[in-house]
């Protein structure tokens, strides 16, 4: 499993490179996606991860199955239900914005703050098979899309946040 790098690592400040479309389904990209999913799954509080967070400067992010409701038949979602976004671009966003409380990041551990985000966005992207899609989102998913695309552009949430505070995990017995 790849370690999740922290805010002092210069990879997090680089603009990530696009994945050539011909390489999307390659073993190399599949391996990177598998490593991203494994690193994300290892964090109980993680909802998404961008490739730069594991030290890979490519325009890929993964959204965890944890944020989605169970399937219509009641079956629970599993890591195979994680969504992969390659070369994502925001193509439309709402004029309405909101300051979202409690934004954090696996690469800026235990700091949380309020970040102004568009309430709705639409992105274009490729999936891990190389198929191109457009997807709209509101609520938490819109928030995640913006946070992860910021990562791909070398931006951390603390660059945009207000009221940043430290909230370390409670230790057993405290």
C-alpha atoms as a PDB file:
ATOM      1  CA  UNK A   1       0.000   0.000   0.000  1.00  0.00           C
ATOM      2  CA  UNK A   2       1.211   3.493  -0.838  1.00  0.00           C
ATOM      3  CA  UNK A   3       1.489   5.993   1.998  1.00  0.00           C
ATOM      4  CA  UNK A   4      -0.662   9.095   1.765  1.00  0.00           C
ATOM      5  CA  UNK A   5       1.752  12.000   1.503  1.00  0.00           C
ATOM      6  CA  UNK A   6       1.351  15.084   3.648  1.00  0.00           C
ATOM      7  CA  UNK A   7       1.116  18.794   2.886  1.00  0.00           C
ATOM      8  CA  UNK A   8       4.865  19.484   2.947  1.00  0.00           C
ATOM      9  CA  UNK A   9       5.446  17.188  -0.069  1.00  0.00           C
ATOM     10  CA  UNK A  10       6.046  19.205  -3.254  1.00  0.00           C
ATOM     11  CA  UNK A  11       4.019  16.775  -5.418  1.00  0.00           C
ATOM     12  CA  UNK A  12       0.862  18.169  -3.804  1.00  0.00           C
ATOM     13  CA  UNK A  13       1.713  21.640  -5.172  1.00  0.00           C
ATOM     14  CA  UNK A  14       2.252  20.558  -8.775  1.00  0.00           C
ATOM     15  CA  UNK A  15      -0.330  20.722 -11.538  1.00  0.00           C
ATOM     16  CA  UNK A  16      -0.878  17.043 -12.305  1.00  0.00           C
ATOM     17  CA  UNK A  17      -0.356  15.768 -15.843  1.00  0.00           C
ATOM     18  CA  UNK A  18      -3.208  14.448 -17.971  1.00  0.00           C
ATOM     19  CA  UNK A  19      -3.250  10.723 -18.617  1.00  0.00           C
ATOM     20  CA  UNK A  20      -2.945  10.086 -22.371  1.00  0.00           C
ATOM     21  CA  UNK A  21      -6.243   8.507 -23.447  1.00  0.00           C
ATOM     22  CA  UNK A  22      -4.384   5.578 -25.051  1.00  0.00           C
ATOM     23  CA  UNK A  23      -2.797   4.790 -21.643  1.00  0.00           C
ATOM     24  CA  UNK A  24      -5.963   4.847 -19.521  1.00  0.00           C
ATOM     25  CA  UNK A  25      -6.578   1.080 -19.592  1.00  0.00           C
ATOM     26  CA  UNK A  26      -2.860   0.226 -19.346  1.00  0.00           C
ATOM     27  CA  UNK A  27      -1.462  -2.003 -16.575  1.00  0.00           C
ATOM     28  CA  UNK A  28       0.481   1.002 -15.211  1.00  0.00           C
ATOM     29  CA  UNK A  29      -2.657   3.136 -14.745  1.00  0.00           C
ATOM     30  CA  UNK A  30      -4.637   0.155 -13.403  1.00  0.00           C
ATOM     31  CA  UNK A  31      -1.898  -0.368 -10.794  1.00  0.00           C
ATOM     32  CA  UNK A  32      -1.977   3.300  -9.759  1.00  0.00           C
ATOM     33  CA  UNK A  33      -5.783   3.172  -9.402  1.00  0.00           C
ATOM     34  CA  UNK A  34      -5.559  -0.036  -7.337  1.00  0.00           C
ATOM     35  CA  UNK A  35      -2.976   1.625  -5.057  1.00  0.00           C
ATOM     36  CA  UNK A  36      -5.200   4.687  -4.684  1.00  0.00           C
ATOM     37  CA  UNK A  37      -8.195   2.524  -3.741  1.00  0.00           C
ATOM     38  CA  UNK A  38      -6.132   0.557  -1.230  1.00  0.00           C
ATOM     39  CA  UNK A  39      -4.749   3.718   0.390  1.00  0.00           C
ATOM     40  CA  UNK A  40      -8.234   5.257   0.541  1.00  0.00           C
ATOM     41  CA  UNK A  41      -9.754   2.128   2.060  1.00  0.00           C
ATOM     42  CA  UNK A  42      -7.080   2.141   4.790  1.00  0.00           C
ATOM     43  CA  UNK A  43      -8.449   5.446   6.136  1.00  0.00           C
ATOM     44  CA  UNK A  44     -11.721   5.140   8.036  1.00  0.00           C
ATOM     45  CA  UNK A  45     -12.598   8.787   7.428  1.00  0.00           C
ATOM     46  CA  UNK A  46     -11.561   8.993   3.767  1.00  0.00           C
ATOM     47  CA  UNK A  47     -14.181   9.700   1.106  1.00  0.00           C
ATOM     48  CA  UNK A  48     -11.907  10.368  -1.883  1.00  0.00           C
ATOM     49  CA  UNK A  49      -8.270  10.463  -2.920  1.00  0.00           C
ATOM     50  CA  UNK A  50      -6.331  12.064  -5.767  1.00  0.00           C
ATOM     51  CA  UNK A  51      -3.270  10.481  -7.386  1.00  0.00           C
ATOM     52  CA  UNK A  52      -0.932  13.244  -6.130  1.00  0.00           C
ATOM     53  CA  UNK A  53      -1.826  12.163  -2.576  1.00  0.00           C
ATOM     54  CA  UNK A  54       0.074   8.930  -3.156  1.00  0.00           C
ATOM     55  CA  UNK A  55       2.929  10.773  -4.871  1.00  0.00           C
ATOM     56  CA  UNK A  56       1.753  10.316  -8.476  1.00  0.00           C
ATOM     57  CA  UNK A  57       1.313  13.554 -10.429  1.00  0.00           C
ATOM     58  CA  UNK A  58      -1.485  12.383 -12.741  1.00  0.00           C
ATOM     59  CA  UNK A  59      -5.041  13.701 -13.153  1.00  0.00           C
ATOM     60  CA  UNK A  60      -6.889  10.837 -11.476  1.00  0.00           C
ATOM     61  CA  UNK A  61      -9.120  10.706  -8.418  1.00  0.00           C
ATOM     62  CA  UNK A  62     -11.234   8.033  -6.774  1.00  0.00           C
ATOM     63  CA  UNK A  63     -14.457   8.564  -4.810  1.00  0.00           C
ATOM     64  CA  UNK A  64     -15.159   5.955  -2.146  1.00  0.00           C
ATOM     65  CA  UNK A  65     -18.213   3.726  -2.223  1.00  0.00           C
ATOM     66  CA  UNK A  66     -18.747   4.834   1.402  1.00  0.00           C
ATOM     67  CA  UNK A  67     -20.529   8.037   0.364  1.00  0.00           C
ATOM     68  CA  UNK A  68     -23.237   6.313  -1.654  1.00  0.00           C
ATOM     69  CA  UNK A  69     -26.500   4.821  -0.386  1.00  0.00           C
ATOM     70  CA  UNK A  70     -26.964   1.030  -0.519  1.00  0.00           C
ATOM     71  CA  UNK A  71     -28.108  -0.442  -3.814  1.00  0.00           C
ATOM     72  CA  UNK A  72     -31.827  -0.588  -4.603  1.00  0.00           C
ATOM     73  CA  UNK A  73     -31.889  -4.274  -3.657  1.00  0.00           C
ATOM     74  CA  UNK A  74     -30.446  -3.367  -0.239  1.00  0.00           C
ATOM     75  CA  UNK A  75     -27.025  -4.847  -0.980  1.00  0.00           C
ATOM     76  CA  UNK A  76     -24.136  -2.965   0.587  1.00  0.00           C
ATOM     77  CA  UNK A  77     -21.608  -1.284  -1.651  1.00  0.00           C
ATOM     78  CA  UNK A  78     -18.004  -2.490  -1.631  1.00  0.00           C
ATOM     79  CA  UNK A  79     -14.667  -1.054  -2.802  1.00  0.00           C
ATOM     80  CA  UNK A  80     -15.420  -2.380  -6.299  1.00  0.00           C
ATOM     81  CA  UNK A  81     -18.156   0.294  -6.345  1.00  0.00           C
ATOM     82  CA  UNK A  82     -15.590   3.106  -5.913  1.00  0.00           C
ATOM     83  CA  UNK A  83     -15.795   5.596  -8.792  1.00  0.00           C
ATOM     84  CA  UNK A  84     -12.705   6.508 -10.820  1.00  0.00           C
ATOM     85  CA  UNK A  85     -12.339   9.870 -12.565  1.00  0.00           C
ATOM     86  CA  UNK A  86      -9.498  10.374 -15.060  1.00  0.00           C
ATOM     87  CA  UNK A  87      -8.653  13.769 -16.606  1.00  0.00           C
ATOM     88  CA  UNK A  88     -11.705  15.396 -14.965  1.00  0.00           C
ATOM     89  CA  UNK A  89     -12.702  18.929 -15.911  1.00  0.00           C
ATOM     90  CA  UNK A  90     -15.425  21.063 -14.393  1.00  0.00           C
ATOM     91  CA  UNK A  91     -17.507  22.193 -17.366  1.00  0.00           C
ATOM     92  CA  UNK A  92     -20.365  23.858 -15.495  1.00  0.00           C
ATOM     93  CA  UNK A  93     -20.975  25.109 -11.983  1.00  0.00           C
ATOM     94  CA  UNK A  94     -23.787  26.824 -10.147  1.00  0.00           C
ATOM     95  CA  UNK A  95     -23.633  30.518  -9.392  1.00  0.00           C
ATOM     96  CA  UNK A  96     -24.717  29.633  -5.883  1.00  0.00           C
ATOM     97  CA  UNK A  97     -21.905  28.937  -3.447  1.00  0.00           C
ATOM     98  CA  UNK A  98     -21.848  27.954   0.217  1.00  0.00           C
ATOM     99  CA  UNK A  99     -19.270  27.917   2.959  1.00  0.00           C
ATOM    100  CA  UNK A 100     -19.025  24.229   3.829  1.00  0.00           C
ATOM    101  CA  UNK A 101     -17.959  23.423   7.379  1.00  0.00           C
ATOM    102  CA  UNK A 102     -15.716  20.568   8.392  1.00  0.00           C
ATOM    103  CA  UNK A 103     -13.704  20.148   5.197  1.00  0.00           C
ATOM    104  CA  UNK A 104     -10.590  18.107   5.820  1.00  0.00           C
ATOM    105  CA  UNK A 105      -8.024  16.184   3.830  1.00  0.00           C
ATOM    106  CA  UNK A 106      -6.059  12.963   4.155  1.00  0.00           C
ATOM    107  CA  UNK A 107      -2.941  14.966   3.193  1.00  0.00           C
ATOM    108  CA  UNK A 108      -3.544  17.739   5.745  1.00  0.00           C
ATOM    109  CA  UNK A 109      -4.216  15.511   8.716  1.00  0.00           C
ATOM    110  CA  UNK A 110      -6.444  16.650  11.522  1.00  0.00           C
ATOM    111  CA  UNK A 111      -6.948  20.192  10.236  1.00  0.00           C
ATOM    112  CA  UNK A 112     -10.487  21.180   9.312  1.00  0.00           C
ATOM    113  CA  UNK A 113     -12.019  24.390   8.061  1.00  0.00           C
ATOM    114  CA  UNK A 114     -14.765  26.102   6.102  1.00  0.00           C
ATOM    115  CA  UNK A 115     -14.353  26.301   2.321  1.00  0.00           C
ATOM    116  CA  UNK A 116     -16.562  28.166  -0.139  1.00  0.00           C
ATOM    117  CA  UNK A 117     -17.748  25.709  -2.807  1.00  0.00           C
ATOM    118  CA  UNK A 118     -20.262  25.758  -5.655  1.00  0.00           C
ATOM    119  CA  UNK A 119     -23.419  23.885  -4.658  1.00  0.00           C
ATOM    120  CA  UNK A 120     -23.623  22.057  -8.009  1.00  0.00           C
ATOM    121  CA  UNK A 121     -21.040  21.147 -10.640  1.00  0.00           C
ATOM    122  CA  UNK A 122     -20.865  19.132 -13.841  1.00  0.00           C
ATOM    123  CA  UNK A 123     -17.653  17.400 -14.837  1.00  0.00           C
ATOM    124  CA  UNK A 124     -16.372  15.602 -17.915  1.00  0.00           C
ATOM    125  CA  UNK A 125     -14.004  12.698 -17.332  1.00  0.00           C
ATOM    126  CA  UNK A 126     -12.887   9.264 -18.459  1.00  0.00           C
ATOM    127  CA  UNK A 127     -13.482   6.113 -16.429  1.00  0.00           C
ATOM    128  CA  UNK A 128     -10.844   3.419 -15.960  1.00  0.00           C
ATOM    129  CA  UNK A 129     -11.921   1.709 -19.208  1.00  0.00           C
ATOM    130  CA  UNK A 130     -11.319   4.883 -21.219  1.00  0.00           C
ATOM    131  CA  UNK A 131     -15.000   5.706 -21.752  1.00  0.00           C
ATOM    132  CA  UNK A 132     -15.852   9.419 -21.636  1.00  0.00           C
ATOM    133  CA  UNK A 133     -18.683  10.696 -19.444  1.00  0.00           C
ATOM    134  CA  UNK A 134     -20.322  13.839 -18.153  1.00  0.00           C
ATOM    135  CA  UNK A 135     -21.753  13.810 -14.637  1.00  0.00           C
ATOM    136  CA  UNK A 136     -23.561  16.410 -12.596  1.00  0.00           C
ATOM    137  CA  UNK A 137     -23.472  16.513  -8.825  1.00  0.00           C
ATOM    138  CA  UNK A 138     -24.834  18.434  -5.894  1.00  0.00           C
ATOM    139  CA  UNK A 139     -24.274  18.244  -2.163  1.00  0.00           C
ATOM    140  CA  UNK A 140     -21.383  16.169  -0.863  1.00  0.00           C
ATOM    141  CA  UNK A 141     -20.416  14.789  -4.270  1.00  0.00           C
ATOM    142  CA  UNK A 142     -20.142  18.304  -5.782  1.00  0.00           C
ATOM    143  CA  UNK A 143     -17.986  19.275  -2.816  1.00  0.00           C
ATOM    144  CA  UNK A 144     -15.749  16.219  -3.321  1.00  0.00           C
ATOM    145  CA  UNK A 145     -15.369  16.886  -7.061  1.00  0.00           C
ATOM    146  CA  UNK A 146     -14.151  20.432  -6.353  1.00  0.00           C
ATOM    147  CA  UNK A 147     -11.790  19.344  -3.555  1.00  0.00           C
ATOM    148  CA  UNK A 148     -10.215  16.584  -5.665  1.00  0.00           C
ATOM    149  CA  UNK A 149      -9.852  18.737  -8.795  1.00  0.00           C
ATOM    150  CA  UNK A 150      -8.148  21.326  -6.582  1.00  0.00           C
ATOM    151  CA  UNK A 151      -5.632  18.589  -5.675  1.00  0.00           C
ATOM    152  CA  UNK A 152      -4.991  17.972  -9.366  1.00  0.00           C
ATOM    153  CA  UNK A 153      -4.287  21.698  -9.757  1.00  0.00           C
ATOM    154  CA  UNK A 154      -1.817  21.820  -6.843  1.00  0.00           C
ATOM    155  CA  UNK A 155      -4.275  23.460  -4.438  1.00  0.00           C
ATOM    156  CA  UNK A 156      -4.943  22.274  -0.880  1.00  0.00           C
ATOM    157  CA  UNK A 157      -8.160  23.073   0.957  1.00  0.00           C
ATOM    158  CA  UNK A 158      -6.225  25.095   3.548  1.00  0.00           C
ATOM    159  CA  UNK A 159      -5.332  27.548   0.759  1.00  0.00           C
ATOM    160  CA  UNK A 160      -9.035  28.488   0.538  1.00  0.00           C
ATOM    161  CA  UNK A 161     -10.261  27.763   4.063  1.00  0.00           C
ATOM    162  CA  UNK A 162     -11.303  30.029   6.881  1.00  0.00           C
ATOM    163  CA  UNK A 163     -11.720  29.146  10.559  1.00  0.00           C
ATOM    164  CA  UNK A 164      -9.132  26.363  10.270  1.00  0.00           C
ATOM    165  CA  UNK A 165      -8.800  24.342  13.445  1.00  0.00           C
ATOM    166  CA  UNK A 166      -6.904  21.301  14.646  1.00  0.00           C
ATOM    167  CA  UNK A 167      -9.045  18.314  15.623  1.00  0.00           C
ATOM    168  CA  UNK A 168      -6.799  15.329  16.347  1.00  0.00           C
ATOM    169  CA  UNK A 169      -8.426  11.932  16.832  1.00  0.00           C
ATOM    170  CA  UNK A 170      -9.310  10.952  20.370  1.00  0.00           C
ATOM    171  CA  UNK A 171      -7.022   8.388  21.889  1.00  0.00           C
ATOM    172  CA  UNK A 172      -8.526   5.373  23.652  1.00  0.00           C
ATOM    173  CA  UNK A 173      -9.478   6.260  27.209  1.00  0.00           C
ATOM    174  CA  UNK A 174      -9.684  10.022  26.639  1.00  0.00           C
END
